[in-house]
């Protein structure tokens, strides 16, 4: 399996591309100077493009990915606000961008050539909008509004239009601050990391009425500092879940039960200073974390049935790395 790790470093306006080998070692492939502070990134479902959100000239930039994993700028389109999170629908027809500062989520069509176009839809009033997450069935978009302690639900139309889901929103614990989400491969459960109280919620999405079935503290016992969770990811086999906290500079390891309905805390891994983003490779063997204040990334091997992390090596990147995307070639 040939994989490429892309890291975004907004302070130095750079994207680094690394080749990840089967033993978990990285080799630097390319450094690209970006047109601004690049932050969120996502690879298109057809693996042909890397879409990147850029500030302060708010836009999405498309980089074409070649057979080696190297990227070249191919086009761009405007955005209605500062991009905080970027994702696509499962069929690669639309780009979703959440904007924390501008309290909105937008939908941008992807043209036949793979390039983004101007937004066709902007939903406002989502204070602290921190991500836009389409379910595995490609029907429902989950949009956490961090400052409002709610996750808004929208039905995605064939034309890219968003209409309120019959259950328009769900509420989190007051002061939790819902941020990023991932879905279990069985399509029955979703997991949300909450920034302000550093907890993880399990949501049953299998029926028409979405319900919270579990909430776990992701911090070690006795932690008394400011809670500041950031990112969440799940292994491809759905057995392990990981979340990170920037104040403590840790990654929390969870195991997931057979149905996906319950988490068990397995341990805590110290990591790079202020881990804003991380990701898991497509084999489910490696985790790559970025330290926003250490200006390094670190690779871990996922070990044992408990999903604990074994540090392998760390690598210097650009300044303030805060997003990690792992792309499978071919």
Protein backbone atom coordinates (compact mmCIF):
# COMPACT_ATOMS: atom_id res chain seq x y z
CA UNK A 1 0.00 0.00 0.00
CA UNK A 2 1.48 3.34 -1.09
CA UNK A 3 0.41 6.28 1.04
CA UNK A 4 1.15 10.00 1.12
CA UNK A 5 0.89 12.17 4.23
CA UNK A 6 0.04 15.83 3.62
CA UNK A 7 0.59 18.35 6.43
CA UNK A 8 -0.60 21.97 6.46
CA UNK A 9 1.57 24.60 8.17
CA UNK A 10 -0.31 27.94 8.04
CA UNK A 11 2.32 30.06 9.77
CA UNK A 12 4.87 29.32 7.02
CA UNK A 13 2.23 28.98 4.24
CA UNK A 14 3.41 25.47 3.35
CA UNK A 15 2.13 22.02 2.51
CA UNK A 16 4.55 19.13 3.08
CA UNK A 17 4.04 15.84 1.25
CA UNK A 18 5.59 12.73 2.78
CA UNK A 19 5.71 9.15 1.55
CA UNK A 20 4.71 6.67 4.27
CA UNK A 21 6.28 3.22 3.90
CA UNK A 22 5.01 -0.09 5.27
CA UNK A 23 7.19 0.23 8.39
CA UNK A 24 5.77 3.64 9.30
CA UNK A 25 8.77 5.71 8.18
CA UNK A 26 8.29 9.01 6.33
CA UNK A 27 10.34 10.32 3.41
CA UNK A 28 9.89 13.95 2.37
CA UNK A 29 8.49 14.06 -1.16
CA UNK A 30 7.67 17.73 -1.71
CA UNK A 31 7.27 21.13 -0.04
CA UNK A 32 4.73 23.45 -1.65
CA UNK A 33 4.43 27.17 -0.95
CA UNK A 34 0.72 27.91 -0.58
CA UNK A 35 -1.12 31.16 -1.42
CA UNK A 36 -1.86 32.10 2.18
CA UNK A 37 -2.52 30.46 5.52
CA UNK A 38 -3.56 26.97 4.53
CA UNK A 39 -5.54 25.17 7.19
CA UNK A 40 -8.17 22.44 6.57
CA UNK A 41 -7.51 19.87 3.84
CA UNK A 42 -9.32 16.89 2.31
CA UNK A 43 -8.62 14.49 -0.57
CA UNK A 44 -11.41 14.08 -3.13
CA UNK A 45 -13.18 10.69 -3.17
CA UNK A 46 -11.70 9.92 -6.61
CA UNK A 47 -8.21 10.63 -5.17
CA UNK A 48 -7.45 13.14 -7.95
CA UNK A 49 -7.38 16.38 -5.91
CA UNK A 50 -6.38 17.81 -2.56
CA UNK A 51 -8.81 20.58 -1.56
CA UNK A 52 -7.42 23.16 0.86
CA UNK A 53 -9.05 26.04 2.75
CA UNK A 54 -6.99 29.27 2.68
CA UNK A 55 -6.98 32.53 4.67
CA UNK A 56 -7.07 35.57 4.69
CA UNK A 57 -8.31 35.63 1.08
CA UNK A 58 -11.08 33.16 1.84
CA UNK A 59 -11.12 30.44 -0.81
CA UNK A 60 -10.76 26.76 -1.50
CA UNK A 61 -7.69 25.83 -3.56
CA UNK A 62 -7.58 22.59 -5.58
CA UNK A 63 -4.25 20.80 -6.00
CA UNK A 64 -4.06 18.02 -8.57
CA UNK A 65 -2.40 14.86 -7.24
CA UNK A 66 -0.07 13.02 -9.62
CA UNK A 67 0.84 9.33 -9.67
CA UNK A 68 3.66 9.88 -7.10
CA UNK A 69 1.47 11.86 -4.73
CA UNK A 70 3.00 15.23 -5.60
CA UNK A 71 0.60 18.13 -5.90
CA UNK A 72 0.22 21.10 -8.26
CA UNK A 73 -2.24 23.97 -7.97
CA UNK A 74 -5.05 23.57 -10.48
CA UNK A 75 -7.69 26.14 -9.54
CA UNK A 76 -9.59 27.87 -6.77
CA UNK A 77 -12.99 29.28 -5.84
CA UNK A 78 -14.20 31.87 -3.29
CA UNK A 79 -15.67 31.08 0.12
CA UNK A 80 -18.13 33.14 2.17
CA UNK A 81 -16.02 33.02 5.34
CA UNK A 82 -12.80 31.94 6.96
CA UNK A 83 -12.44 28.16 6.40
CA UNK A 84 -12.19 26.16 9.62
CA UNK A 85 -13.05 22.69 8.30
CA UNK A 86 -13.39 21.23 4.80
CA UNK A 87 -14.94 17.98 3.61
CA UNK A 88 -16.74 16.52 0.58
CA UNK A 89 -19.81 14.41 0.05
CA UNK A 90 -19.14 10.70 -0.53
CA UNK A 91 -19.62 10.97 -4.30
CA UNK A 92 -17.26 13.91 -4.83
CA UNK A 93 -19.91 16.32 -6.11
CA UNK A 94 -19.86 18.94 -3.36
CA UNK A 95 -17.42 20.60 -0.94
CA UNK A 96 -18.63 21.52 2.54
CA UNK A 97 -16.83 24.26 4.47
CA UNK A 98 -17.53 25.19 8.08
CA UNK A 99 -16.51 28.65 9.27
CA UNK A 100 -16.09 29.24 13.00
CA UNK A 101 -15.50 32.99 12.75
CA UNK A 102 -18.27 33.62 10.23
CA UNK A 103 -20.81 31.25 11.84
CA UNK A 104 -21.81 29.46 8.65
CA UNK A 105 -21.54 26.31 6.56
CA UNK A 106 -21.31 26.49 2.77
CA UNK A 107 -21.79 24.05 -0.10
CA UNK A 108 -19.62 24.45 -3.22
CA UNK A 109 -20.29 22.30 -6.31
CA UNK A 110 -17.35 20.43 -7.82
CA UNK A 111 -17.22 20.82 -11.60
CA UNK A 112 -16.77 17.90 -14.01
CA UNK A 113 -13.03 18.67 -14.19
CA UNK A 114 -12.74 18.27 -10.41
CA UNK A 115 -12.31 21.97 -9.67
CA UNK A 116 -14.36 23.80 -7.04
CA UNK A 117 -16.89 26.48 -7.97
CA UNK A 118 -18.54 29.30 -6.02
CA UNK A 119 -20.89 28.28 -3.20
CA UNK A 120 -24.49 27.53 -4.14
CA UNK A 121 -25.65 27.50 -0.52
CA UNK A 122 -24.65 29.27 2.70
CA UNK A 123 -26.41 28.49 5.99
CA UNK A 124 -25.77 31.18 8.60
CA UNK A 125 -26.46 31.49 12.30
CA UNK A 126 -24.25 28.55 13.32
CA UNK A 127 -22.17 30.21 16.03
CA UNK A 128 -18.77 28.58 16.30
CA UNK A 129 -19.42 26.28 13.32
CA UNK A 130 -16.45 23.93 13.51
CA UNK A 131 -17.03 21.14 11.00
CA UNK A 132 -19.40 19.66 8.43
CA UNK A 133 -19.67 15.86 8.45
CA UNK A 134 -21.65 13.82 5.92
CA UNK A 135 -22.84 10.41 7.10
CA UNK A 136 -21.67 7.25 5.32
CA UNK A 137 -24.99 7.01 3.51
CA UNK A 138 -24.34 10.46 1.99
CA UNK A 139 -27.74 11.71 3.13
CA UNK A 140 -27.39 13.69 6.37
CA UNK A 141 -24.90 16.46 7.10
CA UNK A 142 -23.99 16.91 10.79
CA UNK A 143 -22.78 20.44 11.58
CA UNK A 144 -21.54 21.15 15.13
CA UNK A 145 -22.11 24.73 16.33
CA UNK A 146 -19.59 24.88 19.16
CA UNK A 147 -20.76 28.10 20.80
CA UNK A 148 -24.40 26.97 20.83
CA UNK A 149 -23.81 23.46 22.22
CA UNK A 150 -25.79 21.91 19.39
CA UNK A 151 -25.25 19.77 16.31
CA UNK A 152 -27.46 20.82 13.41
CA UNK A 153 -28.71 18.16 10.98
CA UNK A 154 -29.38 18.81 7.29
CA UNK A 155 -30.61 16.59 4.47
CA UNK A 156 -28.39 16.83 1.40
CA UNK A 157 -30.36 17.14 -1.83
CA UNK A 158 -29.26 15.87 -5.23
CA UNK A 159 -28.72 19.50 -6.23
CA UNK A 160 -26.48 20.18 -3.21
CA UNK A 161 -29.12 22.14 -1.36
CA UNK A 162 -29.40 21.68 2.39
CA UNK A 163 -32.80 21.37 4.05
CA UNK A 164 -33.33 20.95 7.80
CA UNK A 165 -33.51 17.28 8.76
CA UNK A 166 -36.82 16.20 10.37
CA UNK A 167 -34.78 16.30 13.59
CA UNK A 168 -33.22 19.69 12.97
CA UNK A 169 -30.69 19.55 15.82
CA UNK A 170 -29.46 17.73 18.90
CA UNK A 171 -28.11 19.35 22.04
CA UNK A 172 -24.87 18.51 23.80
CA UNK A 173 -24.11 19.06 27.47
CA UNK A 174 -24.09 22.78 28.26
CA UNK A 175 -20.57 24.13 27.86
CA UNK A 176 -19.29 21.04 26.01
CA UNK A 177 -18.56 22.78 22.70
CA UNK A 178 -19.07 20.13 19.96
CA UNK A 179 -16.25 20.30 17.41
CA UNK A 180 -15.34 17.38 15.07
CA UNK A 181 -17.10 14.10 14.27
CA UNK A 182 -16.45 10.64 12.79
CA UNK A 183 -18.76 7.73 11.92
CA UNK A 184 -18.64 4.01 12.64
CA UNK A 185 -18.45 1.85 9.52
CA UNK A 186 -21.73 0.12 10.45
CA UNK A 187 -23.48 3.49 9.88
CA UNK A 188 -25.29 3.22 13.23
CA UNK A 189 -23.11 5.44 15.45
CA UNK A 190 -21.31 8.77 15.31
CA UNK A 191 -18.68 10.12 17.71
CA UNK A 192 -18.16 13.81 18.52
CA UNK A 193 -15.25 15.38 20.37
CA UNK A 194 -16.23 18.37 22.51
CA UNK A 195 -13.62 21.12 22.69
CA UNK A 196 -14.54 22.97 25.87
CA UNK A 197 -14.97 20.09 28.31
CA UNK A 198 -12.70 17.57 26.51
CA UNK A 199 -15.30 14.85 26.33
CA UNK A 200 -16.40 12.44 23.60
CA UNK A 201 -20.09 11.75 22.93
CA UNK A 202 -21.48 8.64 21.24
CA UNK A 203 -24.59 9.29 19.13
CA UNK A 204 -26.99 6.60 17.93
CA UNK A 205 -27.87 7.65 14.36
CA UNK A 206 -29.47 4.35 13.30
CA UNK A 207 -33.07 5.57 13.70
CA UNK A 208 -34.88 8.73 12.64
CA UNK A 209 -34.39 10.15 16.13
CA UNK A 210 -30.68 10.76 16.84
CA UNK A 211 -29.86 10.13 20.50
CA UNK A 212 -26.77 10.42 22.71
CA UNK A 213 -26.02 7.05 24.31
CA UNK A 214 -22.69 7.73 26.04
CA UNK A 215 -20.42 10.59 27.10
CA UNK A 216 -16.86 10.00 28.31
CA UNK A 217 -14.29 12.32 29.86
CA UNK A 218 -11.16 12.04 27.70
CA UNK A 219 -8.77 13.51 30.28
CA UNK A 220 -6.64 11.64 32.84
CA UNK A 221 -7.93 11.53 36.40
CA UNK A 222 -6.92 14.59 38.36
CA UNK A 223 -6.42 16.87 35.34
CA UNK A 224 -7.32 20.40 36.50
CA UNK A 225 -6.00 22.70 33.77
CA UNK A 226 -8.01 24.29 30.94
CA UNK A 227 -9.63 21.69 28.71
CA UNK A 228 -9.02 22.23 24.99
CA UNK A 229 -9.81 19.20 22.83
CA UNK A 230 -9.23 19.36 19.09
CA UNK A 231 -9.53 16.34 16.80
CA UNK A 232 -11.02 12.84 16.59
CA UNK A 233 -10.42 9.86 14.27
CA UNK A 234 -11.45 6.21 14.01
CA UNK A 235 -9.52 3.22 12.67
CA UNK A 236 -10.77 1.75 9.36
CA UNK A 237 -11.92 -1.45 11.11
CA UNK A 238 -13.99 0.51 13.62
CA UNK A 239 -12.23 -1.00 16.65
CA UNK A 240 -10.39 2.04 18.04
CA UNK A 241 -11.09 5.75 18.46
CA UNK A 242 -8.61 8.53 19.23
CA UNK A 243 -9.01 12.15 20.36
CA UNK A 244 -6.50 14.83 21.33
CA UNK A 245 -6.26 17.67 23.84
CA UNK A 246 -4.02 20.67 23.16
CA UNK A 247 -3.43 21.86 26.73
CA UNK A 248 -2.30 18.46 27.99
CA UNK A 249 -0.65 17.54 24.65
CA UNK A 250 -2.06 14.03 24.78
CA UNK A 251 -3.90 11.60 22.55
CA UNK A 252 -6.59 9.60 24.33
CA UNK A 253 -7.05 5.99 23.20
CA UNK A 254 -10.49 4.33 23.22
CA UNK A 255 -11.63 0.88 22.24
CA UNK A 256 -15.05 0.50 20.61
CA UNK A 257 -17.37 -2.40 21.37
CA UNK A 258 -18.61 -4.75 18.64
CA UNK A 259 -21.78 -2.78 17.91
CA UNK A 260 -20.11 0.64 17.99
CA UNK A 261 -22.39 1.79 20.80
CA UNK A 262 -19.87 2.11 23.64
CA UNK A 263 -16.32 3.32 24.25
CA UNK A 264 -13.78 2.20 26.83
CA UNK A 265 -10.79 4.38 27.71
CA UNK A 266 -7.57 2.40 27.17
CA UNK A 267 -4.85 4.97 27.83
CA UNK A 268 -3.20 8.32 27.17
CA UNK A 269 -0.26 8.99 24.85
CA UNK A 270 1.92 12.10 25.38
CA UNK A 271 2.49 13.71 22.00
CA UNK A 272 3.78 16.82 20.22
CA UNK A 273 3.11 20.17 21.92
CA UNK A 274 -0.41 21.44 21.24
CA UNK A 275 -1.69 18.70 18.91
CA UNK A 276 -4.23 20.53 16.73
CA UNK A 277 -4.68 17.73 14.20
CA UNK A 278 -3.81 14.09 13.53
CA UNK A 279 -4.93 11.25 11.29
CA UNK A 280 -4.83 7.47 10.85
CA UNK A 281 -3.45 5.70 7.78
CA UNK A 282 -5.63 3.55 5.54
CA UNK A 283 -4.18 0.29 6.85
CA UNK A 284 -5.09 1.20 10.42
CA UNK A 285 -1.52 0.59 11.55
CA UNK A 286 -0.19 4.14 11.99
CA UNK A 287 -1.25 7.45 13.50
CA UNK A 288 0.40 10.77 12.53
CA UNK A 289 0.03 13.73 14.91
CA UNK A 290 0.99 17.39 14.33
CA UNK A 291 2.28 19.68 17.09
CA UNK A 292 1.16 23.25 16.46
CA UNK A 293 3.75 24.58 18.91
CA UNK A 294 6.51 22.01 18.38
CA UNK A 295 6.55 22.45 14.57
CA UNK A 296 6.97 18.70 14.22
CA UNK A 297 4.87 15.70 13.33
CA UNK A 298 5.21 12.34 15.04
CA UNK A 299 4.37 8.86 13.74
CA UNK A 300 3.01 6.15 16.04
CA UNK A 301 2.36 2.47 15.47
CA UNK A 302 -1.05 1.29 16.65
CA UNK A 303 -0.31 -1.78 18.76
CA UNK A 304 -2.18 -4.55 20.54
CA UNK A 305 -5.88 -5.24 20.85
CA UNK A 306 -6.17 -2.12 23.01
CA UNK A 307 -5.04 0.29 20.27
CA UNK A 308 -2.21 1.78 22.33
CA UNK A 309 0.38 3.90 20.54
CA UNK A 310 4.11 3.19 20.13
CA UNK A 311 6.19 6.25 19.08
CA UNK A 312 8.31 5.58 15.99
CA UNK A 313 9.85 8.87 14.81
CA UNK A 314 9.26 12.61 14.65
CA UNK A 315 9.92 14.98 11.74
CA UNK A 316 10.32 18.76 11.42
CA UNK A 317 7.72 20.41 9.18
CA UNK A 318 6.65 24.00 8.56
CA UNK A 319 5.61 26.47 11.24
CA UNK A 320 2.42 25.79 13.20
CA UNK A 321 1.35 22.48 11.59
CA UNK A 322 -2.32 21.89 12.28
CA UNK A 323 -3.84 19.54 9.70
CA UNK A 324 -2.90 16.02 8.60
CA UNK A 325 -4.39 14.14 5.63
CA UNK A 326 -3.31 10.66 4.56
CA UNK A 327 -3.87 9.71 0.91
CA UNK A 328 -3.77 6.20 -0.53
CA UNK A 329 -2.29 6.14 -4.03
CA UNK A 330 -4.04 4.20 -6.77
